[in-house]
Amino acid sequence: MGIDIGGTKTAVVALGPDGSVVAERRAPSGHGPDGVVAVALAVAHECADAVGGWTQIASVGACMPGLVDPRSGLVTHALNLGVDALPLGPALSDALSRPVVIDNDVKAAGWGAFQLHGGDPDTAFGYLNIGTGLAAALVINGQIVRGPGGIAGEIGHLPLAAPVPCRCGQTGCLETSASGSGLTRMWPPARHLADPFAAAAAGDAQAAEAVRHLCGGIAMAIQALVLVGGVEHIVIGGGLTGLGEPLSLGIAEVLAQRAAQAPLLDELTQPGRFSMLSSDVPIAALGAARLPSAAAQLDLQVAP
């Protein structure tokens, strides 16, 4: 079982022996430490019931936003969920009476995407999540890159965007433009699931400006991952991939424009440099479900 506690929804999947999804349940995420855990447990129980009960579940992995210490099971700074500190691993393990492996949601999604794309340890792989916020995961030599305190990949908090206050306390974070929350700030109709690309094509100037900032910010994130992380292929996931081909084409156009201005960036435009997952693929939950089997490889601690 994989439990993905996201900024807006909690998704739980149960995988069969062949890795296919045999059950999936979702619900709006809870808020605050108690709410987050309560919703995660409720959805997990629903998913377990769908496959015949907990006796059918061999292992459990879980993930959520914020800085996650896989060894202690402590999650801190999950701002979008109203969590300053939450011992997620122990809370889930105690409630379920079984070991649980936890990790950051984007790192879990990155691991899931890496496995989905072959799991080749010789490929420097990147995952970019554009959902409520913006974050990345790198898998190098078959290992998730964590950095000090697990902060590696928090690319959304590079101050490279317009001078807009970010919830992290900085001003001008990339996340304020290249994320779902950023899109809603720039074009409020996005809150109601409207399509900014369609609106821009119909002559909505505000939507066109929002799209320009969104694509530019995501392209900037790709540029950083390639130039700094040496990433060869990037998979983009998260809720905003529901915008589909217009988003992918918009990002590619920005990268092409930058390469035309600076030939040293030609590598950014090579075929296959990035691809987008369908928004209905529960990639973080899939990655979380695969954490227990890779715990030793990824130097993860199983909460007792």
C-alpha atoms as a PDB file:
ATOM      1  CA  MET A   1       0.000   0.000   0.000  1.00  0.00           C
ATOM      2  CA  GLY A   2       1.098   3.535  -0.758  1.00  0.00           C
ATOM      3  CA  ILE A   3      -0.360   6.565   1.056  1.00  0.00           C
ATOM      4  CA  ASP A   4       0.163   9.970  -0.546  1.00  0.00           C
ATOM      5  CA  ILE A   5      -0.852  12.915   1.639  1.00  0.00           C
ATOM      6  CA  GLY A   6      -0.916  15.805  -0.829  1.00  0.00           C
ATOM      7  CA  GLY A   7      -1.491  19.504  -0.458  1.00  0.00           C
ATOM      8  CA  THR A   8      -5.115  19.182  -1.581  1.00  0.00           C
ATOM      9  CA  LYS A   9      -5.942  15.452  -1.654  1.00  0.00           C
ATOM     10  CA  THR A  10      -4.880  12.207  -0.029  1.00  0.00           C
ATOM     11  CA  ALA A  11      -4.552   9.252  -2.396  1.00  0.00           C
ATOM     12  CA  VAL A  12      -4.027   5.628  -1.379  1.00  0.00           C
ATOM     13  CA  VAL A  13      -3.253   2.737  -3.716  1.00  0.00           C
ATOM     14  CA  ALA A  14      -2.883  -0.989  -3.212  1.00  0.00           C
ATOM     15  CA  LEU A  15      -0.584  -2.784  -5.644  1.00  0.00           C
ATOM     16  CA  GLY A  16      -0.779  -6.410  -6.668  1.00  0.00           C
ATOM     17  CA  PRO A  17       2.248  -8.731  -6.872  1.00  0.00           C
ATOM     18  CA  ASP A  18       2.917  -7.562 -10.435  1.00  0.00           C
ATOM     19  CA  GLY A  19       2.918  -3.900  -9.411  1.00  0.00           C
ATOM     20  CA  SER A  20      -0.450  -3.079 -10.956  1.00  0.00           C
ATOM     21  CA  VAL A  21      -2.986  -0.968  -9.082  1.00  0.00           C
ATOM     22  CA  VAL A  22      -5.712  -3.209  -7.662  1.00  0.00           C
ATOM     23  CA  ALA A  23      -7.454  -0.562  -5.551  1.00  0.00           C
ATOM     24  CA  GLU A  24      -7.344   3.219  -5.240  1.00  0.00           C
ATOM     25  CA  ARG A  25      -9.156   5.649  -2.965  1.00  0.00           C
ATOM     26  CA  ARG A  26      -8.957   9.453  -2.629  1.00  0.00           C
ATOM     27  CA  ALA A  27     -10.299  12.184  -0.345  1.00  0.00           C
ATOM     28  CA  PRO A  28      -9.577  15.856   0.387  1.00  0.00           C
ATOM     29  CA  SER A  29      -6.559  16.083   2.692  1.00  0.00           C
ATOM     30  CA  GLY A  30      -7.007  16.990   6.325  1.00  0.00           C
ATOM     31  CA  HIS A  31      -5.519  20.164   7.780  1.00  0.00           C
ATOM     32  CA  GLY A  32      -3.244  20.349  10.793  1.00  0.00           C
ATOM     33  CA  PRO A  33      -1.419  17.344  12.306  1.00  0.00           C
ATOM     34  CA  ASP A  34      -4.505  15.575  13.639  1.00  0.00           C
ATOM     35  CA  GLY A  35      -6.563  16.192  10.496  1.00  0.00           C
ATOM     36  CA  VAL A  36      -3.783  15.002   8.185  1.00  0.00           C
ATOM     37  CA  VAL A  37      -3.379  11.704  10.046  1.00  0.00           C
ATOM     38  CA  ALA A  38      -7.129  11.127  10.476  1.00  0.00           C
ATOM     39  CA  VAL A  39      -7.872  11.471   6.754  1.00  0.00           C
ATOM     40  CA  ALA A  40      -4.865   9.347   5.764  1.00  0.00           C
ATOM     41  CA  LEU A  41      -5.976   6.537   8.062  1.00  0.00           C
ATOM     42  CA  ALA A  42      -9.599   6.709   6.912  1.00  0.00           C
ATOM     43  CA  VAL A  43      -8.646   6.460   3.239  1.00  0.00           C
ATOM     44  CA  ALA A  44      -6.108   3.704   3.957  1.00  0.00           C
ATOM     45  CA  HIS A  45      -8.781   1.646   5.720  1.00  0.00           C
ATOM     46  CA  GLU A  46     -11.130   2.113   2.743  1.00  0.00           C
ATOM     47  CA  CYS A  47      -8.434   0.929   0.346  1.00  0.00           C
ATOM     48  CA  ALA A  48      -7.568  -2.068   2.530  1.00  0.00           C
ATOM     49  CA  ASP A  49     -11.249  -3.026   2.703  1.00  0.00           C
ATOM     50  CA  ALA A  50     -11.388  -2.930  -1.095  1.00  0.00           C
ATOM     51  CA  VAL A  51      -8.796  -5.730  -1.345  1.00  0.00           C
ATOM     52  CA  GLY A  52     -10.146  -7.912   1.432  1.00  0.00           C
ATOM     53  CA  GLY A  53      -8.735  -6.301   4.557  1.00  0.00           C
ATOM     54  CA  TRP A  54      -5.362  -5.609   6.130  1.00  0.00           C
ATOM     55  CA  THR A  55      -4.354  -9.256   6.034  1.00  0.00           C
ATOM     56  CA  GLN A  56      -3.889  -8.748   2.278  1.00  0.00           C
ATOM     57  CA  ILE A  57      -1.468  -5.829   2.749  1.00  0.00           C
ATOM     58  CA  ALA A  58       2.180  -6.930   2.946  1.00  0.00           C
ATOM     59  CA  SER A  59       3.799  -3.516   3.431  1.00  0.00           C
ATOM     60  CA  VAL A  60       2.951   0.177   3.754  1.00  0.00           C
ATOM     61  CA  GLY A  61       4.761   3.280   2.566  1.00  0.00           C
ATOM     62  CA  ALA A  62       3.584   6.863   3.010  1.00  0.00           C
ATOM     63  CA  CYS A  63       4.617  10.324   1.937  1.00  0.00           C
ATOM     64  CA  MET A  64       3.655  13.964   2.404  1.00  0.00           C
ATOM     65  CA  PRO A  65       5.026  17.448   1.660  1.00  0.00           C
ATOM     66  CA  GLY A  66       7.564  19.191   3.867  1.00  0.00           C
ATOM     67  CA  LEU A  67      10.971  18.254   5.206  1.00  0.00           C
ATOM     68  CA  VAL A  68      10.781  14.554   6.017  1.00  0.00           C
ATOM     69  CA  ASP A  69      13.263  12.618   8.129  1.00  0.00           C
ATOM     70  CA  PRO A  70      12.726   8.997   7.031  1.00  0.00           C
ATOM     71  CA  ARG A  71      14.678   7.705  10.040  1.00  0.00           C
ATOM     72  CA  SER A  72      12.654   9.372  12.786  1.00  0.00           C
ATOM     73  CA  GLY A  73       9.428   9.635  10.792  1.00  0.00           C
ATOM     74  CA  LEU A  74       9.197  13.350  11.608  1.00  0.00           C
ATOM     75  CA  VAL A  75       7.729  15.802   9.092  1.00  0.00           C
ATOM     76  CA  THR A  76       8.288  19.541   9.477  1.00  0.00           C
ATOM     77  CA  HIS A  77       7.409  22.672   7.494  1.00  0.00           C
ATOM     78  CA  ALA A  78       4.459  21.210   5.550  1.00  0.00           C
ATOM     79  CA  LEU A  79       3.062  24.713   5.148  1.00  0.00           C
ATOM     80  CA  ASN A  80       0.223  23.956   2.748  1.00  0.00           C
ATOM     81  CA  LEU A  81      -1.200  21.415   5.212  1.00  0.00           C
ATOM     82  CA  GLY A  82      -0.887  23.554   8.322  1.00  0.00           C
ATOM     83  CA  VAL A  83       1.803  21.306   9.788  1.00  0.00           C
ATOM     84  CA  ASP A  84       4.826  22.693  11.631  1.00  0.00           C
ATOM     85  CA  ALA A  85       5.863  19.312  13.029  1.00  0.00           C
ATOM     86  CA  LEU A  86       4.254  15.872  12.807  1.00  0.00           C
ATOM     87  CA  PRO A  87       5.713  12.450  13.754  1.00  0.00           C
ATOM     88  CA  LEU A  88       3.982  10.869  10.764  1.00  0.00           C
ATOM     89  CA  GLY A  89       5.832   7.562  10.783  1.00  0.00           C
ATOM     90  CA  PRO A  90       5.105   6.708  14.425  1.00  0.00           C
ATOM     91  CA  ALA A  91       1.516   7.993  14.145  1.00  0.00           C
ATOM     92  CA  LEU A  92       0.705   5.730  11.187  1.00  0.00           C
ATOM     93  CA  SER A  93       2.645   2.764  12.556  1.00  0.00           C
ATOM     94  CA  ASP A  94       0.902   2.932  15.930  1.00  0.00           C
ATOM     95  CA  ALA A  95      -2.553   3.284  14.374  1.00  0.00           C
ATOM     96  CA  LEU A  96      -2.033   0.484  11.840  1.00  0.00           C
ATOM     97  CA  SER A  97      -0.013  -1.805  14.137  1.00  0.00           C
ATOM     98  CA  ARG A  98       2.542  -2.434  11.418  1.00  0.00           C
ATOM     99  CA  PRO A  99       5.813  -0.944  10.108  1.00  0.00           C
ATOM    100  CA  VAL A 100       5.519   2.082   7.810  1.00  0.00           C
ATOM    101  CA  VAL A 101       8.230   3.630   5.621  1.00  0.00           C
ATOM    102  CA  ILE A 102       7.825   7.349   4.967  1.00  0.00           C
ATOM    103  CA  ASP A 103       9.426   9.944   2.740  1.00  0.00           C
ATOM    104  CA  ASN A 104       8.770  13.351   1.245  1.00  0.00           C
ATOM    105  CA  ASP A 105       5.942  13.246  -1.303  1.00  0.00           C
ATOM    106  CA  VAL A 106       7.967  14.559  -4.230  1.00  0.00           C
ATOM    107  CA  LYS A 107      10.878  12.236  -3.473  1.00  0.00           C
ATOM    108  CA  ALA A 108       8.423   9.328  -3.362  1.00  0.00           C
ATOM    109  CA  ALA A 109       6.900  10.503  -6.662  1.00  0.00           C
ATOM    110  CA  GLY A 110      10.381  10.817  -8.125  1.00  0.00           C
ATOM    111  CA  TRP A 111      11.138   7.257  -7.097  1.00  0.00           C
ATOM    112  CA  GLY A 112       7.864   6.082  -8.618  1.00  0.00           C
ATOM    113  CA  ALA A 113       8.534   7.945 -11.874  1.00  0.00           C
ATOM    114  CA  PHE A 114      12.092   6.601 -11.995  1.00  0.00           C
ATOM    115  CA  GLN A 115      10.787   3.040 -11.679  1.00  0.00           C
ATOM    116  CA  LEU A 116       8.037   3.718 -14.237  1.00  0.00           C
ATOM    117  CA  HIS A 117      10.689   4.843 -16.741  1.00  0.00           C
ATOM    118  CA  GLY A 118      12.872   1.773 -16.409  1.00  0.00           C
ATOM    119  CA  GLY A 119      14.808   2.413 -13.200  1.00  0.00           C
ATOM    120  CA  ASP A 120      18.176   2.606 -14.991  1.00  0.00           C
ATOM    121  CA  PRO A 121      20.783   3.564 -12.341  1.00  0.00           C
ATOM    122  CA  ASP A 122      23.081   4.886 -15.073  1.00  0.00           C
ATOM    123  CA  THR A 123      20.560   7.618 -15.972  1.00  0.00           C
ATOM    124  CA  ALA A 124      20.582  10.902 -14.050  1.00  0.00           C
ATOM    125  CA  PHE A 125      16.845  11.290 -13.559  1.00  0.00           C
ATOM    126  CA  GLY A 126      14.744  14.225 -12.405  1.00  0.00           C
ATOM    127  CA  TYR A 127      11.128  14.565 -11.385  1.00  0.00           C
ATOM    128  CA  LEU A 128       9.408  17.956 -11.279  1.00  0.00           C
ATOM    129  CA  ASN A 129       6.109  18.266  -9.439  1.00  0.00           C
ATOM    130  CA  ILE A 130       3.831  21.160 -10.380  1.00  0.00           C
ATOM    131  CA  GLY A 131       0.864  20.990  -8.066  1.00  0.00           C
ATOM    132  CA  THR A 132      -0.166  23.278  -5.233  1.00  0.00           C
ATOM    133  CA  GLY A 133       3.540  24.072  -4.944  1.00  0.00           C
ATOM    134  CA  LEU A 134       6.690  23.404  -6.979  1.00  0.00           C
ATOM    135  CA  ALA A 135       9.373  20.888  -6.015  1.00  0.00           C
ATOM    136  CA  ALA A 136      11.735  18.393  -7.582  1.00  0.00           C
ATOM    137  CA  ALA A 137      13.418  15.075  -6.895  1.00  0.00           C
ATOM    138  CA  LEU A 138      16.673  13.760  -8.316  1.00  0.00           C
ATOM    139  CA  VAL A 139      17.617  10.106  -8.632  1.00  0.00           C
ATOM    140  CA  ILE A 140      21.339   9.750  -9.305  1.00  0.00           C
ATOM    141  CA  ASN A 141      23.068   6.366  -9.489  1.00  0.00           C
ATOM    142  CA  GLY A 142      19.818   4.773  -8.417  1.00  0.00           C
ATOM    143  CA  GLN A 143      19.678   6.829  -5.224  1.00  0.00           C
ATOM    144  CA  ILE A 144      17.340   9.643  -4.202  1.00  0.00           C
ATOM    145  CA  VAL A 145      19.389  12.789  -3.574  1.00  0.00           C
ATOM    146  CA  ARG A 146      18.431  14.188  -0.172  1.00  0.00           C
ATOM    147  CA  GLY A 147      20.841  16.963   0.732  1.00  0.00           C
ATOM    148  CA  PRO A 148      21.196  18.437   4.230  1.00  0.00           C
ATOM    149  CA  GLY A 149      18.034  17.876   6.229  1.00  0.00           C
ATOM    150  CA  GLY A 150      16.343  16.413   3.152  1.00  0.00           C
ATOM    151  CA  ILE A 151      16.085  19.854   1.541  1.00  0.00           C
ATOM    152  CA  ALA A 152      17.442  18.855  -1.884  1.00  0.00           C
ATOM    153  CA  GLY A 153      14.801  19.395  -4.536  1.00  0.00           C
ATOM    154  CA  GLU A 154      12.969  22.311  -2.914  1.00  0.00           C
ATOM    155  CA  ILE A 155      13.482  24.158  -6.165  1.00  0.00           C
ATOM    156  CA  GLY A 156      10.269  26.137  -5.743  1.00  0.00           C
ATOM    157  CA  HIS A 157      11.979  28.254  -3.116  1.00  0.00           C
ATOM    158  CA  LEU A 158      14.711  29.615  -5.346  1.00  0.00           C
ATOM    159  CA  PRO A 159      14.047  33.396  -5.425  1.00  0.00           C
ATOM    160  CA  LEU A 160      13.979  33.706  -9.223  1.00  0.00           C
ATOM    161  CA  ALA A 161      10.478  35.030  -9.881  1.00  0.00           C
ATOM    162  CA  ALA A 162       8.526  38.283  -9.525  1.00  0.00           C
ATOM    163  CA  PRO A 163       8.791  40.024  -6.119  1.00  0.00           C
ATOM    164  CA  VAL A 164       5.771  38.275  -4.621  1.00  0.00           C
ATOM    165  CA  PRO A 165       5.771  37.136  -0.960  1.00  0.00           C
ATOM    166  CA  CYS A 166       5.993  33.365  -0.533  1.00  0.00           C
ATOM    167  CA  ARG A 167       4.544  31.384   2.352  1.00  0.00           C
ATOM    168  CA  CYS A 168       8.058  30.211   3.188  1.00  0.00           C
ATOM    169  CA  GLY A 169       8.986  33.759   4.246  1.00  0.00           C
ATOM    170  CA  GLN A 170      11.035  34.732   1.216  1.00  0.00           C
ATOM    171  CA  THR A 171      10.028  37.011  -1.627  1.00  0.00           C
ATOM    172  CA  GLY A 172      10.075  36.056  -5.289  1.00  0.00           C
ATOM    173  CA  CYS A 173      10.175  32.260  -4.961  1.00  0.00           C
ATOM    174  CA  LEU A 174       9.786  30.340  -8.213  1.00  0.00           C
ATOM    175  CA  GLU A 175       6.755  28.619  -6.699  1.00  0.00           C
ATOM    176  CA  THR A 176       4.839  31.917  -6.671  1.00  0.00           C
ATOM    177  CA  SER A 177       4.673  31.694 -10.475  1.00  0.00           C
ATOM    178  CA  ALA A 178       5.236  28.065 -11.475  1.00  0.00           C
ATOM    179  CA  SER A 179       2.584  26.251  -9.433  1.00  0.00           C
ATOM    180  CA  GLY A 180      -1.148  25.831  -9.019  1.00  0.00           C
ATOM    181  CA  SER A 181      -1.260  28.401  -6.240  1.00  0.00           C
ATOM    182  CA  GLY A 182       0.789  30.781  -8.371  1.00  0.00           C
ATOM    183  CA  LEU A 183      -1.507  30.318 -11.347  1.00  0.00           C
ATOM    184  CA  THR A 184      -4.546  31.045  -9.172  1.00  0.00           C
ATOM    185  CA  ARG A 185      -2.891  34.182  -7.839  1.00  0.00           C
ATOM    186  CA  MET A 186      -2.126  35.421 -11.345  1.00  0.00           C
ATOM    187  CA  TRP A 187      -5.457  34.331 -12.854  1.00  0.00           C
ATOM    188  CA  PRO A 188      -8.167  33.720 -10.201  1.00  0.00           C
ATOM    189  CA  PRO A 189     -10.545  31.843 -12.571  1.00  0.00           C
ATOM    190  CA  ALA A 190      -8.056  28.939 -12.344  1.00  0.00           C
ATOM    191  CA  ARG A 191      -9.483  28.263  -8.887  1.00  0.00           C
ATOM    192  CA  HIS A 192     -12.659  27.085 -10.623  1.00  0.00           C
ATOM    193  CA  LEU A 193     -10.789  24.613 -12.887  1.00  0.00           C
ATOM    194  CA  ALA A 194     -10.905  26.956 -15.872  1.00  0.00           C
ATOM    195  CA  ASP A 195      -8.284  26.517 -18.609  1.00  0.00           C
ATOM    196  CA  PRO A 196      -5.929  29.524 -18.831  1.00  0.00           C
ATOM    197  CA  PHE A 197      -4.553  28.404 -22.206  1.00  0.00           C
ATOM    198  CA  ALA A 198      -8.021  28.358 -23.746  1.00  0.00           C
ATOM    199  CA  ALA A 199      -8.796  31.727 -22.167  1.00  0.00           C
ATOM    200  CA  ALA A 200      -5.531  33.181 -23.474  1.00  0.00           C
ATOM    201  CA  ALA A 201      -6.303  31.921 -26.982  1.00  0.00           C
ATOM    202  CA  ALA A 202      -9.703  33.594 -26.713  1.00  0.00           C
ATOM    203  CA  GLY A 203      -8.098  36.959 -25.985  1.00  0.00           C
ATOM    204  CA  ASP A 204      -7.948  37.083 -22.164  1.00  0.00           C
ATOM    205  CA  ALA A 205      -4.834  39.215 -21.561  1.00  0.00           C
ATOM    206  CA  GLN A 206      -4.600  38.319 -17.872  1.00  0.00           C
ATOM    207  CA  ALA A 207      -4.725  34.612 -18.688  1.00  0.00           C
ATOM    208  CA  ALA A 208      -2.058  35.079 -21.372  1.00  0.00           C
ATOM    209  CA  GLU A 209       0.240  36.790 -18.853  1.00  0.00           C
ATOM    210  CA  ALA A 210      -0.387  34.032 -16.305  1.00  0.00           C
ATOM    211  CA  VAL A 211       0.449  31.367 -18.891  1.00  0.00           C
ATOM    212  CA  ARG A 212       3.632  33.195 -19.832  1.00  0.00           C
ATOM    213  CA  HIS A 213       4.812  33.278 -16.211  1.00  0.00           C
ATOM    214  CA  LEU A 214       3.771  29.669 -15.599  1.00  0.00           C
ATOM    215  CA  CYS A 215       5.621  28.253 -18.602  1.00  0.00           C
ATOM    216  CA  GLY A 216       8.613  30.485 -17.973  1.00  0.00           C
ATOM    217  CA  GLY A 217       8.877  29.381 -14.360  1.00  0.00           C
ATOM    218  CA  ILE A 218       8.635  25.681 -15.169  1.00  0.00           C
ATOM    219  CA  ALA A 219      11.227  26.115 -17.918  1.00  0.00           C
ATOM    220  CA  MET A 220      13.467  27.823 -15.358  1.00  0.00           C
ATOM    221  CA  ALA A 221      13.101  24.823 -13.050  1.00  0.00           C
ATOM    222  CA  ILE A 222      14.044  22.450 -15.883  1.00  0.00           C
ATOM    223  CA  GLN A 223      17.014  24.633 -16.729  1.00  0.00           C
ATOM    224  CA  ALA A 224      18.220  24.522 -13.113  1.00  0.00           C
ATOM    225  CA  LEU A 225      17.859  20.748 -12.889  1.00  0.00           C
ATOM    226  CA  VAL A 226      19.851  20.197 -16.080  1.00  0.00           C
ATOM    227  CA  LEU A 227      22.541  22.831 -15.501  1.00  0.00           C
ATOM    228  CA  VAL A 228      23.059  22.229 -11.782  1.00  0.00           C
ATOM    229  CA  GLY A 229      21.900  18.652 -11.253  1.00  0.00           C
ATOM    230  CA  GLY A 230      23.212  17.215 -14.532  1.00  0.00           C
ATOM    231  CA  VAL A 231      19.836  15.595 -15.129  1.00  0.00           C
ATOM    232  CA  GLU A 232      19.413  13.784 -18.446  1.00  0.00           C
ATOM    233  CA  HIS A 233      15.654  13.273 -18.407  1.00  0.00           C
ATOM    234  CA  ILE A 234      12.923  15.036 -16.427  1.00  0.00           C
ATOM    235  CA  VAL A 235       9.406  13.766 -15.867  1.00  0.00           C
ATOM    236  CA  ILE A 236       6.820  16.394 -14.953  1.00  0.00           C
ATOM    237  CA  GLY A 237       3.912  15.377 -12.760  1.00  0.00           C
ATOM    238  CA  GLY A 238       1.371  16.949 -10.459  1.00  0.00           C
ATOM    239  CA  GLY A 239      -2.075  18.446 -10.823  1.00  0.00           C
ATOM    240  CA  LEU A 240      -1.159  21.080 -13.396  1.00  0.00           C
ATOM    241  CA  THR A 241      -0.237  18.427 -15.946  1.00  0.00           C
ATOM    242  CA  GLY A 242      -4.003  18.224 -16.426  1.00  0.00           C
ATOM    243  CA  LEU A 243      -3.559  21.298 -18.637  1.00  0.00           C
ATOM    244  CA  GLY A 244      -2.146  18.844 -21.161  1.00  0.00           C
ATOM    245  CA  GLU A 245      -0.365  19.490 -24.428  1.00  0.00           C
ATOM    246  CA  PRO A 246      -0.664  23.313 -24.370  1.00  0.00           C
ATOM    247  CA  LEU A 247       1.413  23.365 -21.184  1.00  0.00           C
ATOM    248  CA  SER A 248       4.027  20.987 -22.610  1.00  0.00           C
ATOM    249  CA  LEU A 249       4.263  23.012 -25.826  1.00  0.00           C
ATOM    250  CA  GLY A 250       4.472  26.268 -23.869  1.00  0.00           C
ATOM    251  CA  ILE A 251       7.394  24.994 -21.791  1.00  0.00           C
ATOM    252  CA  ALA A 252       9.179  23.684 -24.892  1.00  0.00           C
ATOM    253  CA  GLU A 253       8.706  27.034 -26.624  1.00  0.00           C
ATOM    254  CA  VAL A 254      10.317  28.925 -23.729  1.00  0.00           C
ATOM    255  CA  LEU A 255      13.270  26.524 -23.670  1.00  0.00           C
ATOM    256  CA  ALA A 256      13.691  26.926 -27.446  1.00  0.00           C
ATOM    257  CA  GLN A 257      13.648  30.714 -27.138  1.00  0.00           C
ATOM    258  CA  ARG A 258      16.337  30.626 -24.461  1.00  0.00           C
ATOM    259  CA  ALA A 259      18.472  28.237 -26.520  1.00  0.00           C
ATOM    260  CA  ALA A 260      18.175  30.569 -29.506  1.00  0.00           C
ATOM    261  CA  GLN A 261      19.488  33.427 -27.370  1.00  0.00           C
ATOM    262  CA  ALA A 262      22.244  31.331 -25.758  1.00  0.00           C
ATOM    263  CA  PRO A 263      23.476  28.346 -27.819  1.00  0.00           C
ATOM    264  CA  LEU A 264      25.045  26.784 -24.712  1.00  0.00           C
ATOM    265  CA  LEU A 265      21.468  25.921 -23.701  1.00  0.00           C
ATOM    266  CA  ASP A 266      20.913  23.719 -26.770  1.00  0.00           C
ATOM    267  CA  GLU A 267      21.003  20.656 -24.512  1.00  0.00           C
ATOM    268  CA  LEU A 268      17.756  21.831 -22.919  1.00  0.00           C
ATOM    269  CA  THR A 269      15.872  21.410 -26.190  1.00  0.00           C
ATOM    270  CA  GLN A 270      17.072  17.909 -27.096  1.00  0.00           C
ATOM    271  CA  PRO A 271      14.231  15.445 -27.849  1.00  0.00           C
ATOM    272  CA  GLY A 272      13.157  13.595 -24.738  1.00  0.00           C
ATOM    273  CA  ARG A 273      14.681  16.092 -22.337  1.00  0.00           C
ATOM    274  CA  PHE A 274      11.366  16.256 -20.513  1.00  0.00           C
ATOM    275  CA  SER A 275       8.025  14.485 -20.629  1.00  0.00           C
ATOM    276  CA  MET A 276       4.715  14.900 -18.797  1.00  0.00           C
ATOM    277  CA  LEU A 277       2.754  12.310 -16.887  1.00  0.00           C
ATOM    278  CA  SER A 278      -0.999  12.184 -17.175  1.00  0.00           C
ATOM    279  CA  SER A 279      -2.578  13.972 -14.225  1.00  0.00           C
ATOM    280  CA  ASP A 280      -4.578  10.873 -13.323  1.00  0.00           C
ATOM    281  CA  VAL A 281      -1.457   8.778 -12.562  1.00  0.00           C
ATOM    282  CA  PRO A 282      -1.124   8.613  -8.736  1.00  0.00           C
ATOM    283  CA  ILE A 283       2.656   8.694  -9.026  1.00  0.00           C
ATOM    284  CA  ALA A 284       3.450   9.702  -5.423  1.00  0.00           C
ATOM    285  CA  ALA A 285       1.253   6.931  -4.027  1.00  0.00           C
ATOM    286  CA  LEU A 286       2.844   4.466  -6.460  1.00  0.00           C
ATOM    287  CA  GLY A 287       6.290   5.567  -5.340  1.00  0.00           C
ATOM    288  CA  ALA A 288       5.296   5.374  -1.659  1.00  0.00           C
ATOM    289  CA  ALA A 289       4.080   1.813  -2.159  1.00  0.00           C
ATOM    290  CA  ARG A 290       7.518   0.895  -3.519  1.00  0.00           C
ATOM    291  CA  LEU A 291       9.477   2.491  -0.659  1.00  0.00           C
ATOM    292  CA  PRO A 292       9.433  -0.527   1.698  1.00  0.00           C
ATOM    293  CA  SER A 293      10.959  -2.864  -0.892  1.00  0.00           C
ATOM    294  CA  ALA A 294      13.743  -0.347  -1.544  1.00  0.00           C
ATOM    295  CA  ALA A 295      14.253   0.784   2.061  1.00  0.00           C
ATOM    296  CA  ALA A 296      17.783  -0.596   2.362  1.00  0.00           C
ATOM    297  CA  GLN A 297      18.781   0.645  -1.096  1.00  0.00           C
ATOM    298  CA  LEU A 298      17.492   4.159  -0.329  1.00  0.00           C
ATOM    299  CA  ASP A 299      18.794   4.182   3.263  1.00  0.00           C
ATOM    300  CA  LEU A 300      15.297   4.532   4.674  1.00  0.00           C
ATOM    301  CA  GLN A 301      14.258   3.593   8.211  1.00  0.00           C
ATOM    302  CA  VAL A 302      11.144   1.473   8.735  1.00  0.00           C
ATOM    303  CA  ALA A 303       9.124   2.924  11.585  1.00  0.00           C
ATOM    304  CA  PRO A 304       8.524   0.123  14.136  1.00  0.00           C
END
